[in-house]
């Protein structure tokens, strides 16, 4: 997940900054792939610049040849269970 992703408008819905979202992306410590949707959705959890865990949802965009983050928010228990942290 080292490439710089595109962060789309919807990812800011919960009031997070681009800086915090990209910090969580770069420092994500757990990732899982959701089965079913296409393209596959990747769920990542990583810390923002203040050390709070964020959950991110991203997909690989073949046309752009880069990751697209379309959802970001403080990590929930559901996301932690989904990624195996709980």
Protein backbone atom coordinates (compact mmCIF):
# COMPACT_ATOMS: atom_id res chain seq x y z
CA UNK A 1 0.00 0.00 0.00
CA UNK A 2 2.91 2.36 -0.52
CA UNK A 3 1.63 4.19 -3.59
CA UNK A 4 0.00 7.56 -2.97
CA UNK A 5 -3.75 7.05 -3.27
CA UNK A 6 -6.47 9.32 -4.55
CA UNK A 7 -8.75 10.44 -1.71
CA UNK A 8 -12.23 11.15 -3.07
CA UNK A 9 -14.71 13.63 -1.61
CA UNK A 10 -16.84 11.02 0.15
CA UNK A 11 -13.87 10.04 2.33
CA UNK A 12 -14.09 13.42 4.09
CA UNK A 13 -17.69 12.81 5.23
CA UNK A 14 -16.61 12.25 8.85
CA UNK A 15 -14.52 15.43 9.06
CA UNK A 16 -11.06 13.91 8.76
CA UNK A 17 -8.27 15.78 7.03
CA UNK A 18 -6.40 14.55 3.99
CA UNK A 19 -3.23 14.59 6.07
CA UNK A 20 -4.76 12.25 8.67
CA UNK A 21 -6.22 9.94 6.04
CA UNK A 22 -2.92 9.64 4.19
CA UNK A 23 -1.04 9.15 7.46
CA UNK A 24 -3.36 6.25 8.35
CA UNK A 25 -2.87 4.82 4.85
CA UNK A 26 0.91 5.01 5.01
CA UNK A 27 1.01 3.55 8.53
CA UNK A 28 -1.77 0.98 8.27
CA UNK A 29 -0.97 -2.03 10.39
CA UNK A 30 -3.79 -4.34 9.35
CA UNK A 31 -5.63 -4.95 6.10
CA UNK A 32 -8.24 -7.35 4.88
CA UNK A 33 -10.15 -7.76 1.64
CA UNK A 34 -13.93 -7.92 1.67
CA UNK A 35 -15.30 -10.78 -0.34
CA UNK A 36 -18.08 -10.12 -2.78
CA UNK A 37 -17.97 -6.61 -4.17
CA UNK A 38 -16.16 -5.82 -7.35
CA UNK A 39 -13.69 -4.34 -7.42
CA UNK A 40 -12.56 -5.88 -4.14
CA UNK A 41 -12.76 -3.48 -1.21
CA UNK A 42 -9.74 -3.31 1.06
CA UNK A 43 -10.34 -2.45 4.71
CA UNK A 44 -7.32 -0.93 6.44
CA UNK A 45 -6.75 0.33 9.97
CA UNK A 46 -3.96 2.72 10.82
CA UNK A 47 -3.25 5.70 13.08
CA UNK A 48 -3.91 9.31 12.16
CA UNK A 49 -1.37 12.01 13.05
CA UNK A 50 -2.64 12.05 16.66
CA UNK A 51 -2.38 8.27 17.01
CA UNK A 52 -6.13 7.57 16.80
CA UNK A 53 -7.04 4.51 14.76
CA UNK A 54 -8.85 5.19 11.51
CA UNK A 55 -10.56 2.70 9.24
CA UNK A 56 -10.20 3.20 5.52
CA UNK A 57 -11.95 1.60 2.58
CA UNK A 58 -10.09 1.57 -0.70
CA UNK A 59 -10.25 -0.01 -4.14
CA UNK A 60 -7.65 -0.38 -6.86
CA UNK A 61 -8.59 1.60 -9.97
CA UNK A 62 -7.12 0.00 -13.08
CA UNK A 63 -7.82 3.05 -15.25
CA UNK A 64 -5.96 5.38 -12.90
CA UNK A 65 -3.40 2.76 -11.87
CA UNK A 66 -3.71 3.84 -8.25
CA UNK A 67 -5.62 3.21 -5.07
CA UNK A 68 -8.78 5.18 -4.38
CA UNK A 69 -9.80 5.79 -0.77
CA UNK A 70 -13.53 6.34 -0.68
CA UNK A 71 -14.29 6.03 3.05
CA UNK A 72 -12.46 7.10 6.20
CA UNK A 73 -13.61 7.36 9.80
CA UNK A 74 -12.52 6.50 13.33
CA UNK A 75 -12.10 2.75 13.57
CA UNK A 76 -15.20 0.96 14.80
CA UNK A 77 -15.48 -2.31 16.70
CA UNK A 78 -17.03 -3.83 13.58
CA UNK A 79 -13.98 -2.91 11.47
CA UNK A 80 -11.64 -4.19 14.16
CA UNK A 81 -13.48 -7.52 14.25
CA UNK A 82 -13.50 -7.69 10.44
CA UNK A 83 -9.73 -7.21 10.31
CA UNK A 84 -9.04 -9.66 13.12
CA UNK A 85 -8.02 -7.14 15.78
CA UNK A 86 -10.82 -8.22 18.11
